[in-house]
C-alpha atoms as a PDB file:
ATOM      1  CA  MET A   1     125.766 115.775 109.382  1.00  0.00           C
ATOM      2  CA  ILE A   2     124.676 114.934 112.948  1.00  0.00           C
ATOM      3  CA  GLY A   3     125.710 111.312 112.405  1.00  0.00           C
ATOM      4  CA  THR A   4     129.132 112.365 111.091  1.00  0.00           C
ATOM      5  CA  VAL A   5     129.718 114.704 114.030  1.00  0.00           C
ATOM      6  CA  SER A   6     128.691 111.961 116.473  1.00  0.00           C
ATOM      7  CA  LEU A   7     131.057 109.516 114.769  1.00  0.00           C
ATOM      8  CA  PHE A   8     133.892 112.036 114.925  1.00  0.00           C
ATOM      9  CA  VAL A   9     133.333 112.714 118.639  1.00  0.00           C
ATOM     10  CA  ALA A  10     133.028 108.977 119.370  1.00  0.00           C
ATOM     11  CA  SER A  11     136.300 108.260 117.556  1.00  0.00           C
ATOM     12  CA  LEU A  12     138.076 110.904 119.660  1.00  0.00           C
ATOM     13  CA  LEU A  13     136.699 109.348 122.852  1.00  0.00           C
ATOM     14  CA  VAL A  14     137.911 105.887 121.790  1.00  0.00           C
ATOM     15  CA  LEU A  15     141.258 107.423 120.818  1.00  0.00           C
ATOM     16  CA  TRP A  16     141.699 108.884 124.271  1.00  0.00           C
ATOM     17  CA  GLY A  17     140.435 105.753 126.023  1.00  0.00           C
ATOM     18  CA  GLY A  18     142.864 103.584 124.065  1.00  0.00           C
ATOM     19  CA  SER A  19     145.808 105.828 124.919  1.00  0.00           C
ATOM     20  CA  GLU A  20     144.840 105.669 128.601  1.00  0.00           C
ATOM     21  CA  LEU A  21     144.847 101.859 128.474  1.00  0.00           C
ATOM     22  CA  VAL A  22     148.335 101.908 126.947  1.00  0.00           C
ATOM     23  CA  ILE A  23     149.814 104.354 129.455  1.00  0.00           C
ATOM     24  CA  ARG A  24     148.260 102.675 132.490  1.00  0.00           C
ATOM     25  CA  ASN A  25     149.740  99.295 131.534  1.00  0.00           C
ATOM     26  CA  ILE A  26     153.254 100.321 130.470  1.00  0.00           C
ATOM     27  CA  GLY A  27     154.302 100.384 134.122  1.00  0.00           C
ATOM     28  CA  PRO A  28     152.991  96.872 134.948  1.00  0.00           C
ATOM     29  CA  LEU A  29     154.651  95.484 131.812  1.00  0.00           C
ATOM     30  CA  ALA A  30     157.970  97.100 132.707  1.00  0.00           C
ATOM     31  CA  ARG A  31     157.798  95.691 136.244  1.00  0.00           C
ATOM     32  CA  ALA A  32     156.905  92.241 134.953  1.00  0.00           C
ATOM     33  CA  PHE A  33     159.955  92.176 132.684  1.00  0.00           C
ATOM     34  CA  ARG A  34     162.051  94.131 135.210  1.00  0.00           C
ATOM     35  CA  VAL A  35     162.991  96.787 132.653  1.00  0.00           C
ATOM     36  CA  LYS A  36     162.448 100.527 132.309  1.00  0.00           C
ATOM     37  CA  GLU A  37     159.161 101.877 130.976  1.00  0.00           C
ATOM     38  CA  LEU A  38     161.189 103.539 128.202  1.00  0.00           C
ATOM     39  CA  VAL A  39     162.216 100.086 126.917  1.00  0.00           C
ATOM     40  CA  ILE A  40     158.580  98.956 126.597  1.00  0.00           C
ATOM     41  CA  THR A  41     157.785 102.247 124.865  1.00  0.00           C
ATOM     42  CA  ILE A  42     160.632 101.945 122.348  1.00  0.00           C
ATOM     43  CA  LEU A  43     160.373  98.246 121.526  1.00  0.00           C
ATOM     44  CA  GLY A  44     156.610  97.899 121.660  1.00  0.00           C
ATOM     45  CA  ILE A  45     154.424 100.991 121.850  1.00  0.00           C
ATOM     46  CA  SER A  46     156.305 103.052 119.249  1.00  0.00           C
ATOM     47  CA  VAL A  47     156.270 100.169 116.758  1.00  0.00           C
ATOM     48  CA  LEU A  48     152.551  99.478 117.188  1.00  0.00           C
ATOM     49  CA  SER A  49     151.653 103.173 117.007  1.00  0.00           C
ATOM     50  CA  SER A  50     153.445 103.352 113.633  1.00  0.00           C
ATOM     51  CA  LEU A  51     150.933 100.962 112.035  1.00  0.00           C
ATOM     52  CA  PRO A  52     149.032 103.807 110.283  1.00  0.00           C
ATOM     53  CA  GLU A  53     152.218 105.016 108.565  1.00  0.00           C
ATOM     54  CA  LEU A  54     153.106 101.448 107.582  1.00  0.00           C
ATOM     55  CA  THR A  55     149.707 100.567 106.120  1.00  0.00           C
ATOM     56  CA  VAL A  56     149.183 103.861 104.266  1.00  0.00           C
ATOM     57  CA  SER A  57     152.710 103.976 102.825  1.00  0.00           C
ATOM     58  CA  ALA A  58     152.876 100.257 101.957  1.00  0.00           C
ATOM     59  CA  PHE A  59     149.535 100.288 100.114  1.00  0.00           C
ATOM     60  CA  ALA A  60     150.514 103.506  98.337  1.00  0.00           C
ATOM     61  CA  ILE A  61     153.846 102.176  97.059  1.00  0.00           C
ATOM     62  CA  ALA A  62     152.245  98.864  96.051  1.00  0.00           C
ATOM     63  CA  ARG A  63     149.976 100.886  93.783  1.00  0.00           C
ATOM     64  CA  GLY A  64     152.934 102.824  92.370  1.00  0.00           C
ATOM     65  CA  ALA A  65     152.245 106.072  94.269  1.00  0.00           C
ATOM     66  CA  SER A  66     155.803 106.841  95.407  1.00  0.00           C
ATOM     67  CA  ASP A  67     155.035 110.464  96.250  1.00  0.00           C
ATOM     68  CA  ILE A  68     152.211 109.510  98.602  1.00  0.00           C
ATOM     69  CA  SER A  69     154.290 106.788 100.251  1.00  0.00           C
ATOM     70  CA  ILE A  70     157.379 108.812 101.095  1.00  0.00           C
ATOM     71  CA  GLY A  71     155.345 111.988 101.577  1.00  0.00           C
ATOM     72  CA  ASN A  72     153.291 110.264 104.269  1.00  0.00           C
ATOM     73  CA  ILE A  73     156.432 109.027 106.048  1.00  0.00           C
ATOM     74  CA  ILE A  74     158.332 112.322 105.985  1.00  0.00           C
ATOM     75  CA  GLY A  75     155.207 114.396 106.627  1.00  0.00           C
ATOM     76  CA  SER A  76     153.958 112.351 109.579  1.00  0.00           C
ATOM     77  CA  ASN A  77     157.463 112.264 111.079  1.00  0.00           C
ATOM     78  CA  PHE A  78     157.711 116.034 110.837  1.00  0.00           C
ATOM     79  CA  VAL A  79     154.284 116.489 112.411  1.00  0.00           C
ATOM     80  CA  THR A  80     155.138 114.048 115.207  1.00  0.00           C
ATOM     81  CA  LEU A  81     158.496 115.670 115.910  1.00  0.00           C
ATOM     82  CA  THR A  82     157.249 119.263 115.923  1.00  0.00           C
ATOM     83  CA  PHE A  83     153.464 119.455 116.411  1.00  0.00           C
ATOM     84  CA  VAL A  84     153.029 116.489 118.784  1.00  0.00           C
ATOM     85  CA  THR A  85     156.067 117.448 120.882  1.00  0.00           C
ATOM     86  CA  ALA A  86     154.995 121.105 121.012  1.00  0.00           C
ATOM     87  CA  VAL A  87     151.418 120.300 122.087  1.00  0.00           C
ATOM     88  CA  CYS A  88     152.681 118.080 124.920  1.00  0.00           C
ATOM     89  CA  VAL A  89     155.178 120.711 126.122  1.00  0.00           C
ATOM     90  CA  LEU A  90     152.582 123.496 125.974  1.00  0.00           C
ATOM     91  CA  PHE A  91     150.423 121.506 128.387  1.00  0.00           C
ATOM     92  CA  ARG A  92     153.365 120.734 130.646  1.00  0.00           C
ATOM     93  CA  PRO A  93     157.107 121.477 130.231  1.00  0.00           C
ATOM     94  CA  VAL A  94     158.897 118.145 129.795  1.00  0.00           C
ATOM     95  CA  ASP A  95     162.067 117.042 131.559  1.00  0.00           C
ATOM     96  CA  ILE A  96     164.268 115.004 129.220  1.00  0.00           C
ATOM     97  CA  HIS A  97     166.064 111.968 130.613  1.00  0.00           C
ATOM     98  CA  ARG A  98     169.734 111.962 129.655  1.00  0.00           C
ATOM     99  CA  GLU A  99     169.350 108.509 128.096  1.00  0.00           C
ATOM    100  CA  VAL A 100     166.730 109.877 125.673  1.00  0.00           C
ATOM    101  CA  GLN A 101     168.825 112.941 124.908  1.00  0.00           C
ATOM    102  CA  GLU A 102     171.957 110.922 124.209  1.00  0.00           C
ATOM    103  CA  ARG A 103     170.432 107.987 122.325  1.00  0.00           C
ATOM    104  CA  GLU A 104     166.954 108.656 120.856  1.00  0.00           C
ATOM    105  CA  SER A 105     167.635 112.265 119.890  1.00  0.00           C
ATOM    106  CA  SER A 106     170.930 111.352 118.220  1.00  0.00           C
ATOM    107  CA  TRP A 107     169.395 108.407 116.367  1.00  0.00           C
ATOM    108  CA  MET A 108     166.558 110.628 115.175  1.00  0.00           C
ATOM    109  CA  ILE A 109     169.082 113.002 113.566  1.00  0.00           C
ATOM    110  CA  LEU A 110     171.073 110.070 112.151  1.00  0.00           C
ATOM    111  CA  SER A 111     168.039 108.351 110.592  1.00  0.00           C
ATOM    112  CA  SER A 112     166.712 111.610 109.091  1.00  0.00           C
ATOM    113  CA  SER A 113     170.124 112.488 107.654  1.00  0.00           C
ATOM    114  CA  LEU A 114     170.639 108.992 106.254  1.00  0.00           C
ATOM    115  CA  VAL A 115     167.301 109.027 104.424  1.00  0.00           C
ATOM    116  CA  MET A 116     168.071 112.474 103.008  1.00  0.00           C
ATOM    117  CA  LEU A 117     171.537 111.452 101.780  1.00  0.00           C
ATOM    118  CA  MET A 118     170.211 108.274 100.159  1.00  0.00           C
ATOM    119  CA  SER A 119     167.521 110.293  98.387  1.00  0.00           C
ATOM    120  CA  LEU A 120     169.853 112.821  96.768  1.00  0.00           C
ATOM    121  CA  ASP A 121     169.989 110.788  93.546  1.00  0.00           C
ATOM    122  CA  GLY A 122     166.200 110.981  93.319  1.00  0.00           C
ATOM    123  CA  ARG A 123     165.617 107.322  94.074  1.00  0.00           C
ATOM    124  CA  LEU A 124     165.476 104.928  97.023  1.00  0.00           C
ATOM    125  CA  SER A 125     166.284 101.441  95.752  1.00  0.00           C
ATOM    126  CA  ARG A 126     165.676  98.048  97.309  1.00  0.00           C
ATOM    127  CA  SER A 127     169.304  97.936  98.454  1.00  0.00           C
ATOM    128  CA  ASP A 128     168.744 101.308 100.170  1.00  0.00           C
ATOM    129  CA  GLY A 129     165.741  99.784 101.914  1.00  0.00           C
ATOM    130  CA  ILE A 130     167.829  96.859 103.176  1.00  0.00           C
ATOM    131  CA  ILE A 131     170.479  99.275 104.485  1.00  0.00           C
ATOM    132  CA  LEU A 132     167.835 101.334 106.311  1.00  0.00           C
ATOM    133  CA  MET A 133     166.413  98.239 108.002  1.00  0.00           C
ATOM    134  CA  LEU A 134     169.868  96.975 108.970  1.00  0.00           C
ATOM    135  CA  VAL A 135     170.707 100.341 110.537  1.00  0.00           C
ATOM    136  CA  TYR A 136     167.726  99.845 112.882  1.00  0.00           C
ATOM    137  CA  VAL A 137     169.367  96.719 114.357  1.00  0.00           C
ATOM    138  CA  PRO A 138     172.188  98.459 116.303  1.00  0.00           C
ATOM    139  CA  TYR A 139     169.610 100.911 117.670  1.00  0.00           C
ATOM    140  CA  VAL A 140     167.554  98.037 119.099  1.00  0.00           C
ATOM    141  CA  VAL A 141     170.731  96.412 120.437  1.00  0.00           C
ATOM    142  CA  SER A 142     171.688  99.648 122.213  1.00  0.00           C
ATOM    143  CA  VAL A 143     168.225  99.754 123.810  1.00  0.00           C
ATOM    144  CA  LEU A 144     168.452  96.129 124.982  1.00  0.00           C
ATOM    145  CA  LYS A 145     171.917  96.679 126.472  1.00  0.00           C
ATOM    146  CA  LYS A 146     170.549  99.317 128.804  1.00  0.00           C
ATOM    147  CA  ALA A 147     167.236  97.559 129.372  1.00  0.00           C
ATOM    148  CA  ARG A 148     167.939  96.351 132.896  1.00  0.00           C
ATOM    149  CA  GLU A 149     170.350  99.036 134.048  1.00  0.00           C
ATOM    150  CA  SER A 150     169.405 100.887 137.235  1.00  0.00           C
ATOM    151  CA  VAL A 151     166.104  99.013 137.580  1.00  0.00           C
ATOM    152  CA  GLU A 152     165.271  97.808 141.065  1.00  0.00           C
ATOM    153  CA  TYR A 153     161.891  96.161 141.717  1.00  0.00           C
ATOM    154  CA  PRO A 154     161.012  94.297 144.933  1.00  0.00           C
ATOM    155  CA  VAL A 155     160.890  90.515 144.519  1.00  0.00           C
ATOM    156  CA  ALA A 156     157.327  90.344 145.848  1.00  0.00           C
ATOM    157  CA  ASP A 157     156.235  93.051 143.423  1.00  0.00           C
ATOM    158  CA  PHE A 158     158.006  91.236 140.596  1.00  0.00           C
ATOM    159  CA  ALA A 159     156.190  87.943 141.305  1.00  0.00           C
ATOM    160  CA  ARG A 160     152.825  89.640 141.620  1.00  0.00           C
ATOM    161  CA  ARG A 161     153.283  91.592 138.376  1.00  0.00           C
ATOM    162  CA  ARG A 162     154.365  88.471 136.476  1.00  0.00           C
ATOM    163  CA  ALA A 163     151.045  86.899 137.422  1.00  0.00           C
ATOM    164  CA  ARG A 164     149.231  89.823 135.723  1.00  0.00           C
ATOM    165  CA  LEU A 165     151.525  89.871 132.682  1.00  0.00           C
ATOM    166  CA  GLY A 166     148.972  88.327 130.322  1.00  0.00           C
ATOM    167  CA  LEU A 167     146.302  90.856 131.298  1.00  0.00           C
ATOM    168  CA  SER A 168     148.707  93.802 130.881  1.00  0.00           C
ATOM    169  CA  VAL A 169     149.805  92.610 127.430  1.00  0.00           C
ATOM    170  CA  PHE A 170     146.170  92.161 126.386  1.00  0.00           C
ATOM    171  CA  LEU A 171     145.178  95.633 127.623  1.00  0.00           C
ATOM    172  CA  VAL A 172     148.142  97.308 125.880  1.00  0.00           C
ATOM    173  CA  LEU A 173     147.345  95.567 122.583  1.00  0.00           C
ATOM    174  CA  LEU A 174     143.663  96.443 122.994  1.00  0.00           C
ATOM    175  CA  GLY A 175     144.575 100.050 123.691  1.00  0.00           C
ATOM    176  CA  VAL A 176     146.893 100.342 120.672  1.00  0.00           C
ATOM    177  CA  LEU A 177     144.305  98.735 118.384  1.00  0.00           C
ATOM    178  CA  GLY A 178     141.724 101.162 119.718  1.00  0.00           C
ATOM    179  CA  VAL A 179     144.058 104.096 119.099  1.00  0.00           C
ATOM    180  CA  VAL A 180     144.921 102.992 115.552  1.00  0.00           C
ATOM    181  CA  GLY A 181     141.337 102.120 114.611  1.00  0.00           C
ATOM    182  CA  SER A 182     139.826 105.289 116.064  1.00  0.00           C
ATOM    183  CA  SER A 183     142.524 107.362 114.358  1.00  0.00           C
ATOM    184  CA  ARG A 184     141.375 106.056 110.976  1.00  0.00           C
ATOM    185  CA  LEU A 185     137.754 106.683 111.947  1.00  0.00           C
ATOM    186  CA  ALA A 186     138.577 110.218 113.093  1.00  0.00           C
ATOM    187  CA  VAL A 187     140.354 111.002 109.820  1.00  0.00           C
ATOM    188  CA  ASP A 188     137.508 109.597 107.686  1.00  0.00           C
ATOM    189  CA  SER A 189     134.745 111.373 109.606  1.00  0.00           C
ATOM    190  CA  GLY A 190     136.837 114.541 109.803  1.00  0.00           C
ATOM    191  CA  THR A 191     137.265 114.470 106.036  1.00  0.00           C
ATOM    192  CA  SER A 192     133.512 114.186 105.571  1.00  0.00           C
ATOM    193  CA  LEU A 193     133.011 117.152 107.881  1.00  0.00           C
ATOM    194  CA  GLY A 194     135.616 119.170 106.003  1.00  0.00           C
ATOM    195  CA  SER A 195     133.970 118.411 102.673  1.00  0.00           C
ATOM    196  CA  ALA A 196     130.545 119.360 104.056  1.00  0.00           C
ATOM    197  CA  MET A 197     131.964 122.678 105.289  1.00  0.00           C
ATOM    198  CA  GLY A 198     133.606 123.394 101.933  1.00  0.00           C
ATOM    199  CA  ILE A 199     137.239 123.120 103.050  1.00  0.00           C
ATOM    200  CA  PRO A 200     139.486 122.680  99.975  1.00  0.00           C
ATOM    201  CA  ALA A 201     140.924 119.181  99.493  1.00  0.00           C
ATOM    202  CA  LEU A 202     144.525 120.439  99.528  1.00  0.00           C
ATOM    203  CA  ALA A 203     143.990 122.296 102.789  1.00  0.00           C
ATOM    204  CA  MET A 204     142.439 119.179 104.301  1.00  0.00           C
ATOM    205  CA  GLY A 205     145.457 117.203 103.160  1.00  0.00           C
ATOM    206  CA  VAL A 206     147.836 119.513 105.008  1.00  0.00           C
ATOM    207  CA  ILE A 207     145.707 120.262 108.056  1.00  0.00           C
ATOM    208  CA  LEU A 208     144.073 116.855 108.535  1.00  0.00           C
ATOM    209  CA  PHE A 209     146.012 114.063 106.831  1.00  0.00           C
ATOM    210  CA  ALA A 210     149.421 115.577 107.675  1.00  0.00           C
ATOM    211  CA  PHE A 211     148.877 114.513 111.256  1.00  0.00           C
ATOM    212  CA  GLY A 212     146.114 111.966 110.670  1.00  0.00           C
ATOM    213  CA  THR A 213     148.559 109.067 110.824  1.00  0.00           C
ATOM    214  CA  SER A 214     150.277 110.768 113.789  1.00  0.00           C
ATOM    215  CA  LEU A 215     147.164 110.708 115.987  1.00  0.00           C
ATOM    216  CA  PRO A 216     148.292 107.532 117.849  1.00  0.00           C
ATOM    217  CA  GLU A 217     151.582 109.193 118.816  1.00  0.00           C
ATOM    218  CA  LEU A 218     149.750 112.384 119.823  1.00  0.00           C
ATOM    219  CA  ALA A 219     147.213 110.544 121.998  1.00  0.00           C
ATOM    220  CA  ILE A 220     149.780 108.324 123.740  1.00  0.00           C
ATOM    221  CA  SER A 221     152.332 111.129 124.256  1.00  0.00           C
ATOM    222  CA  LEU A 222     149.724 113.574 125.532  1.00  0.00           C
ATOM    223  CA  SER A 223     148.345 111.023 127.973  1.00  0.00           C
ATOM    224  CA  ALA A 224     151.884 110.329 129.206  1.00  0.00           C
ATOM    225  CA  THR A 225     152.465 114.076 129.618  1.00  0.00           C
ATOM    226  CA  PHE A 226     149.436 114.439 131.880  1.00  0.00           C
ATOM    227  CA  LYS A 227     150.757 111.569 134.010  1.00  0.00           C
ATOM    228  CA  LYS A 228     154.244 113.170 134.171  1.00  0.00           C
ATOM    229  CA  LYS A 229     155.906 110.270 132.330  1.00  0.00           C
ATOM    230  CA  ALA A 230     158.456 112.386 130.476  1.00  0.00           C
ATOM    231  CA  ASP A 231     160.525 109.461 129.201  1.00  0.00           C
ATOM    232  CA  VAL A 232     157.421 107.908 127.631  1.00  0.00           C
ATOM    233  CA  THR A 233     156.306 111.234 126.105  1.00  0.00           C
ATOM    234  CA  ILE A 234     159.499 112.104 124.241  1.00  0.00           C
ATOM    235  CA  GLY A 235     160.738 108.523 123.963  1.00  0.00           C
ATOM    236  CA  GLU A 236     157.583 107.518 122.068  1.00  0.00           C
ATOM    237  CA  VAL A 237     157.919 110.454 119.652  1.00  0.00           C
ATOM    238  CA  TYR A 238     161.567 109.767 118.874  1.00  0.00           C
ATOM    239  CA  ALA A 239     161.305 105.973 118.768  1.00  0.00           C
ATOM    240  CA  SER A 240     158.256 106.071 116.506  1.00  0.00           C
ATOM    241  CA  ASN A 241     160.033 108.382 114.058  1.00  0.00           C
ATOM    242  CA  ILE A 242     163.186 106.259 114.056  1.00  0.00           C
ATOM    243  CA  PHE A 243     161.163 103.104 113.361  1.00  0.00           C
ATOM    244  CA  THR A 244     159.155 104.809 110.611  1.00  0.00           C
ATOM    245  CA  GLN A 245     162.179 106.202 108.783  1.00  0.00           C
ATOM    246  CA  LEU A 246     164.305 103.069 109.002  1.00  0.00           C
ATOM    247  CA  VAL A 247     161.891 100.115 109.031  1.00  0.00           C
ATOM    248  CA  VAL A 248     158.667 101.398 107.462  1.00  0.00           C
ATOM    249  CA  LEU A 249     160.509 103.223 104.682  1.00  0.00           C
ATOM    250  CA  GLY A 250     162.790 100.203 104.257  1.00  0.00           C
ATOM    251  CA  ILE A 251     159.794  97.895 103.807  1.00  0.00           C
ATOM    252  CA  CYS A 252     158.297 100.270 101.232  1.00  0.00           C
ATOM    253  CA  CYS A 253     161.577 100.261  99.286  1.00  0.00           C
ATOM    254  CA  LEU A 254     161.573  96.459  99.246  1.00  0.00           C
ATOM    255  CA  ILE A 255     158.027  96.429  97.847  1.00  0.00           C
ATOM    256  CA  ARG A 256     159.009  98.824  95.063  1.00  0.00           C
ATOM    257  CA  PRO A 257     161.856 101.337  94.559  1.00  0.00           C
ATOM    258  CA  ILE A 258     160.713 104.857  95.445  1.00  0.00           C
ATOM    259  CA  GLU A 259     161.137 107.856  93.168  1.00  0.00           C
ATOM    260  CA  VAL A 260     161.869 110.901  95.331  1.00  0.00           C
ATOM    261  CA  SER A 261     160.832 114.332  94.039  1.00  0.00           C
ATOM    262  CA  GLU A 262     163.256 117.251  93.993  1.00  0.00           C
ATOM    263  CA  GLY A 263     160.969 119.212  96.312  1.00  0.00           C
ATOM    264  CA  MET A 264     161.246 116.445  98.893  1.00  0.00           C
ATOM    265  CA  THR A 265     165.058 116.372  98.835  1.00  0.00           C
ATOM    266  CA  ARG A 266     165.525 120.153  98.616  1.00  0.00           C
ATOM    267  CA  PHE A 267     163.089 121.268 101.332  1.00  0.00           C
ATOM    268  CA  ALA A 268     161.036 118.670 103.249  1.00  0.00           C
ATOM    269  CA  MET A 269     163.877 116.296 104.200  1.00  0.00           C
ATOM    270  CA  PRO A 270     166.443 119.006 105.081  1.00  0.00           C
ATOM    271  CA  PHE A 271     163.756 120.800 107.104  1.00  0.00           C
ATOM    272  CA  LEU A 272     163.080 117.588 109.052  1.00  0.00           C
ATOM    273  CA  VAL A 273     166.801 117.233 109.821  1.00  0.00           C
ATOM    274  CA  LEU A 274     166.947 120.898 110.872  1.00  0.00           C
ATOM    275  CA  ALA A 275     163.976 120.432 113.230  1.00  0.00           C
ATOM    276  CA  ALA A 276     165.648 117.371 114.792  1.00  0.00           C
ATOM    277  CA  VAL A 277     168.899 119.323 115.316  1.00  0.00           C
ATOM    278  CA  VAL A 278     167.047 122.276 116.861  1.00  0.00           C
ATOM    279  CA  ILE A 279     165.269 119.984 119.344  1.00  0.00           C
ATOM    280  CA  GLN A 280     168.615 118.365 120.164  1.00  0.00           C
ATOM    281  CA  ILE A 281     169.995 121.839 120.968  1.00  0.00           C
ATOM    282  CA  PHE A 282     166.968 122.564 123.150  1.00  0.00           C
ATOM    283  CA  VAL A 283     167.250 119.359 125.188  1.00  0.00           C
ATOM    284  CA  THR A 284     171.050 119.506 125.435  1.00  0.00           C
ATOM    285  CA  SER A 285     170.986 122.956 127.039  1.00  0.00           C
ATOM    286  CA  ASP A 286     169.265 121.945 130.302  1.00  0.00           C
ATOM    287  CA  LEU A 287     167.583 118.575 129.616  1.00  0.00           C
ATOM    288  CA  LYS A 288     164.172 120.229 129.441  1.00  0.00           C
ATOM    289  CA  LEU A 289     161.725 121.392 126.792  1.00  0.00           C
ATOM    290  CA  LYS A 290     159.959 124.635 127.746  1.00  0.00           C
ATOM    291  CA  ARG A 291     156.824 126.359 126.473  1.00  0.00           C
ATOM    292  CA  LEU A 292     158.792 129.028 124.605  1.00  0.00           C
ATOM    293  CA  GLU A 293     160.720 126.313 122.776  1.00  0.00           C
ATOM    294  CA  ALA A 294     157.414 124.570 122.035  1.00  0.00           C
ATOM    295  CA  ALA A 295     156.205 127.762 120.363  1.00  0.00           C
ATOM    296  CA  GLY A 296     159.285 127.599 118.128  1.00  0.00           C
ATOM    297  CA  LEU A 297     158.460 124.004 117.201  1.00  0.00           C
ATOM    298  CA  LEU A 298     154.920 125.038 116.280  1.00  0.00           C
ATOM    299  CA  LEU A 299     156.420 127.690 114.009  1.00  0.00           C
ATOM    300  CA  PHE A 300     158.417 124.929 112.298  1.00  0.00           C
ATOM    301  CA  TYR A 301     155.196 122.983 111.774  1.00  0.00           C
ATOM    302  CA  PHE A 302     153.309 125.942 110.300  1.00  0.00           C
ATOM    303  CA  VAL A 303     156.177 126.715 107.904  1.00  0.00           C
ATOM    304  CA  PHE A 304     156.145 123.081 106.789  1.00  0.00           C
ATOM    305  CA  ALA A 305     152.358 123.151 106.358  1.00  0.00           C
ATOM    306  CA  LEU A 306     152.633 126.360 104.353  1.00  0.00           C
ATOM    307  CA  SER A 307     155.230 124.717 102.127  1.00  0.00           C
ATOM    308  CA  GLN A 308     152.629 122.134 101.131  1.00  0.00           C
ATOM    309  CA  LEU A 309     150.226 124.873 100.034  1.00  0.00           C
ATOM    310  CA  THR A 310     152.646 127.221  98.315  1.00  0.00           C
ATOM    311  CA  GLU A 311     155.899 127.004  96.368  1.00  0.00           C
ATOM    312  CA  LEU A 312     158.648 127.668  98.897  1.00  0.00           C
ATOM    313  CA  PRO A 313     162.360 128.084  98.076  1.00  0.00           C
ATOM    314  CA  SER A 314     164.843 125.294  98.696  1.00  0.00           C
ATOM    315  CA  MET A 315     166.753 125.065 101.967  1.00  0.00           C
ATOM    316  CA  GLU A 316     169.923 126.143 100.119  1.00  0.00           C
ATOM    317  CA  SER A 317     168.379 129.465  99.145  1.00  0.00           C
ATOM    318  CA  VAL A 318     166.800 129.920 102.580  1.00  0.00           C
ATOM    319  CA  LEU A 319     170.161 129.453 104.292  1.00  0.00           C
ATOM    320  CA  GLY A 320     171.998 131.500 101.629  1.00  0.00           C
ATOM    321  CA  PHE A 321     174.117 128.659 100.206  1.00  0.00           C
END
């Protein structure tokens, strides 16, 4: 037991240290390429932090476990969007850059809605997977178009940062690998602790594994929040979810068509879309997420977690349709 606890604590320390490495080197990378930090976050950090979702879901679908594959994607996205965002805002209210509100938030709603609509027939085919991956292309193009807008770095600073580019890239990759690896270690050791304490497997699945693959996003976003990097905090959450729903899910569909359960299409997916719309309303009002709104997002998370433990009605019956 002492060894397991020590391993769990050590994994959390590595998790935090890795996230610090990432956050501290986003700025130097952005200066070296003369782009915004948000661009590095969207095109690099969010993709790398989605590795847990990709590996878990890809291995699951390769073994024919469609429910685990899509459940991990939708579940981790919901946890990231609600729980991770809420925790960051509770520590410090977050100002939302208009670029994030107009682009990332809208694309989050679009990607969630598209996945839900494609799943209504109870199946995501290989052609659906190709469509999802192709939809990600215009999103990346829109990011690249604005990559250099309103970015002014002194020439001397630019030359000096270019000289340290290799070191910054290495440290970011090292940090992300540390975050991903320690996340897996934290989940494994946490599971052992839960079993030793007699926590039911289903409860562990909801409480632990529901955000186990979201630990990289939580660590990086929380570290960015403490350093008042609002665009990195929310940008990483949104961009990671967009990548997971369009690219990761698309890859899984190409490996093997996914059978989608009725419970997923009637509650989990609509609830994810609803959460994305609610956050869009929050950030549109005054371009800021406040602690009271974070409490509402936590309520969304707890309702979702409860739905995994009990039989909840469909969204149609909840909304009176």
